[in-house]
Amino acid sequence: MVECPECAAAMNVASDVEQGEICMCEDCGAELEVKTTEPLKLELAPEAQEDWGQ
């Protein structure tokens, strides 16, 4: 169990989750990135930026 950093809801995260993996909060829909696995820490995932071929 870990707390969503956006809405503070309790989240169940798979025990085999890996650093860098993206999870979604079922309560608020926020996309969260696993920053560390020991201890388990989630942060808001960075927004995907548009690539206009530049």
N, C-alpha and C. Protein backbone atom coordinates (compact mmCIF):
# COMPACT_ATOMS: atom_id res chain seq x y z
N MET A 1 0.84 -1.20 0.00
CA MET A 1 0.00 0.00 0.00
C MET A 1 0.88 1.25 0.00
N VAL A 2 0.49 2.20 -0.80
CA VAL A 2 1.19 3.46 -0.87
C VAL A 2 0.15 4.55 -1.08
N GLU A 3 0.48 5.77 -0.72
CA GLU A 3 -0.45 6.88 -0.83
C GLU A 3 -0.23 7.64 -2.14
N CYS A 4 -1.31 7.96 -2.83
CA CYS A 4 -1.22 8.75 -4.05
C CYS A 4 -0.76 10.17 -3.69
N PRO A 5 0.30 10.66 -4.33
CA PRO A 5 0.80 12.00 -4.00
C PRO A 5 -0.14 13.12 -4.48
N GLU A 6 -1.09 12.80 -5.35
CA GLU A 6 -2.02 13.80 -5.88
C GLU A 6 -3.27 13.95 -5.01
N CYS A 7 -3.88 12.80 -4.63
CA CYS A 7 -5.16 12.87 -3.90
C CYS A 7 -5.12 12.20 -2.52
N ALA A 8 -4.01 11.58 -2.17
CA ALA A 8 -3.80 10.92 -0.87
C ALA A 8 -4.62 9.64 -0.70
N ALA A 9 -5.15 9.10 -1.78
CA ALA A 9 -5.88 7.83 -1.71
C ALA A 9 -4.89 6.69 -1.51
N ALA A 10 -5.32 5.66 -0.79
CA ALA A 10 -4.49 4.46 -0.62
C ALA A 10 -4.51 3.67 -1.92
N MET A 11 -3.33 3.28 -2.39
CA MET A 11 -3.20 2.54 -3.64
C MET A 11 -2.52 1.21 -3.40
N ASN A 12 -3.02 0.19 -4.09
CA ASN A 12 -2.36 -1.11 -4.10
C ASN A 12 -1.44 -1.14 -5.31
N VAL A 13 -0.18 -1.41 -5.09
CA VAL A 13 0.80 -1.49 -6.17
C VAL A 13 1.40 -2.88 -6.15
N ALA A 14 1.57 -3.47 -7.34
CA ALA A 14 2.11 -4.83 -7.44
C ALA A 14 3.46 -4.93 -6.72
N SER A 15 3.70 -6.06 -6.09
CA SER A 15 4.93 -6.25 -5.33
C SER A 15 6.16 -6.31 -6.24
N ASP A 16 5.96 -6.63 -7.53
CA ASP A 16 7.09 -6.74 -8.45
C ASP A 16 7.25 -5.49 -9.32
N VAL A 17 6.69 -4.36 -8.88
CA VAL A 17 6.79 -3.11 -9.63
C VAL A 17 8.26 -2.68 -9.72
N GLU A 18 8.62 -2.06 -10.85
CA GLU A 18 10.00 -1.65 -11.07
C GLU A 18 10.13 -0.14 -11.13
N GLN A 19 11.30 0.36 -10.78
CA GLN A 19 11.58 1.78 -10.84
C GLN A 19 11.36 2.28 -12.27
N GLY A 20 10.68 3.42 -12.42
CA GLY A 20 10.41 4.00 -13.72
C GLY A 20 9.08 3.58 -14.31
N GLU A 21 8.44 2.59 -13.71
CA GLU A 21 7.15 2.12 -14.19
C GLU A 21 6.07 3.17 -13.92
N ILE A 22 5.04 3.22 -14.78
CA ILE A 22 3.95 4.16 -14.62
C ILE A 22 2.73 3.42 -14.08
N CYS A 23 2.12 3.98 -13.03
CA CYS A 23 0.91 3.44 -12.43
C CYS A 23 -0.17 4.52 -12.54
N MET A 24 -1.42 4.13 -12.42
CA MET A 24 -2.50 5.10 -12.45
C MET A 24 -3.31 4.99 -11.16
N CYS A 25 -3.62 6.12 -10.57
CA CYS A 25 -4.45 6.15 -9.37
C CYS A 25 -5.90 5.92 -9.80
N GLU A 26 -6.54 4.92 -9.21
CA GLU A 26 -7.93 4.62 -9.55
C GLU A 26 -8.89 5.68 -9.05
N ASP A 27 -8.52 6.43 -8.02
CA ASP A 27 -9.40 7.46 -7.47
C ASP A 27 -9.41 8.74 -8.29
N CYS A 28 -8.22 9.28 -8.61
CA CYS A 28 -8.16 10.59 -9.28
C CYS A 28 -7.69 10.50 -10.73
N GLY A 29 -7.19 9.34 -11.15
CA GLY A 29 -6.75 9.16 -12.54
C GLY A 29 -5.36 9.69 -12.83
N ALA A 30 -4.63 10.14 -11.81
CA ALA A 30 -3.28 10.67 -12.01
C ALA A 30 -2.34 9.57 -12.46
N GLU A 31 -1.46 9.90 -13.42
CA GLU A 31 -0.41 8.98 -13.84
C GLU A 31 0.79 9.21 -12.93
N LEU A 32 1.25 8.13 -12.31
CA LEU A 32 2.31 8.21 -11.31
C LEU A 32 3.48 7.34 -11.72
N GLU A 33 4.68 7.87 -11.51
CA GLU A 33 5.90 7.14 -11.83
C GLU A 33 6.52 6.61 -10.54
N VAL A 34 6.97 5.35 -10.59
CA VAL A 34 7.66 4.76 -9.45
C VAL A 34 9.07 5.33 -9.43
N LYS A 35 9.38 6.10 -8.39
CA LYS A 35 10.71 6.73 -8.26
C LYS A 35 11.68 5.78 -7.56
N THR A 36 11.22 5.11 -6.51
CA THR A 36 12.04 4.12 -5.82
C THR A 36 11.14 2.96 -5.40
N THR A 37 11.76 1.79 -5.26
CA THR A 37 10.98 0.63 -4.83
C THR A 37 11.22 0.28 -3.36
N GLU A 38 12.34 0.70 -2.81
CA GLU A 38 12.65 0.45 -1.39
C GLU A 38 13.16 1.74 -0.76
N PRO A 39 12.35 2.50 -0.08
CA PRO A 39 10.91 2.32 0.10
C PRO A 39 10.17 2.73 -1.17
N LEU A 40 8.95 2.22 -1.31
CA LEU A 40 8.13 2.53 -2.48
C LEU A 40 7.74 4.00 -2.45
N LYS A 41 8.10 4.74 -3.52
CA LYS A 41 7.80 6.16 -3.60
C LYS A 41 7.28 6.47 -4.99
N LEU A 42 6.12 7.15 -5.05
CA LEU A 42 5.51 7.54 -6.31
C LEU A 42 5.52 9.05 -6.44
N GLU A 43 5.68 9.54 -7.67
CA GLU A 43 5.58 10.97 -7.99
C GLU A 43 4.76 11.11 -9.24
N LEU A 44 4.20 12.30 -9.46
CA LEU A 44 3.46 12.54 -10.69
C LEU A 44 4.37 12.28 -11.88
N ALA A 45 3.87 11.55 -12.86
CA ALA A 45 4.64 11.24 -14.07
C ALA A 45 4.79 12.52 -14.89
N PRO A 46 5.93 12.71 -15.52
CA PRO A 46 6.11 13.89 -16.36
C PRO A 46 5.15 13.85 -17.54
N GLU A 47 4.67 15.02 -17.94
CA GLU A 47 3.79 15.12 -19.09
C GLU A 47 4.57 14.77 -20.36
N ALA A 48 3.96 14.01 -21.23
CA ALA A 48 4.58 13.72 -22.52
C ALA A 48 4.56 14.98 -23.36
N GLN A 49 5.70 15.34 -23.91
CA GLN A 49 5.79 16.57 -24.70
C GLN A 49 5.60 16.25 -26.17
N GLU A 50 4.96 17.17 -26.86
CA GLU A 50 4.76 17.03 -28.30
C GLU A 50 6.10 17.12 -29.02
N ASP A 51 6.27 16.28 -30.03
CA ASP A 51 7.46 16.33 -30.87
C ASP A 51 7.02 16.76 -32.27
N TRP A 52 7.32 17.97 -32.59
CA TRP A 52 6.88 18.53 -33.88
C TRP A 52 7.95 18.36 -34.94
N GLY A 53 8.86 17.42 -34.77
CA GLY A 53 9.89 17.14 -35.76
C GLY A 53 10.98 18.19 -35.81
N GLN A 54 11.21 18.87 -34.73
CA GLN A 54 12.24 19.92 -34.69
C GLN A 54 13.49 19.40 -34.04
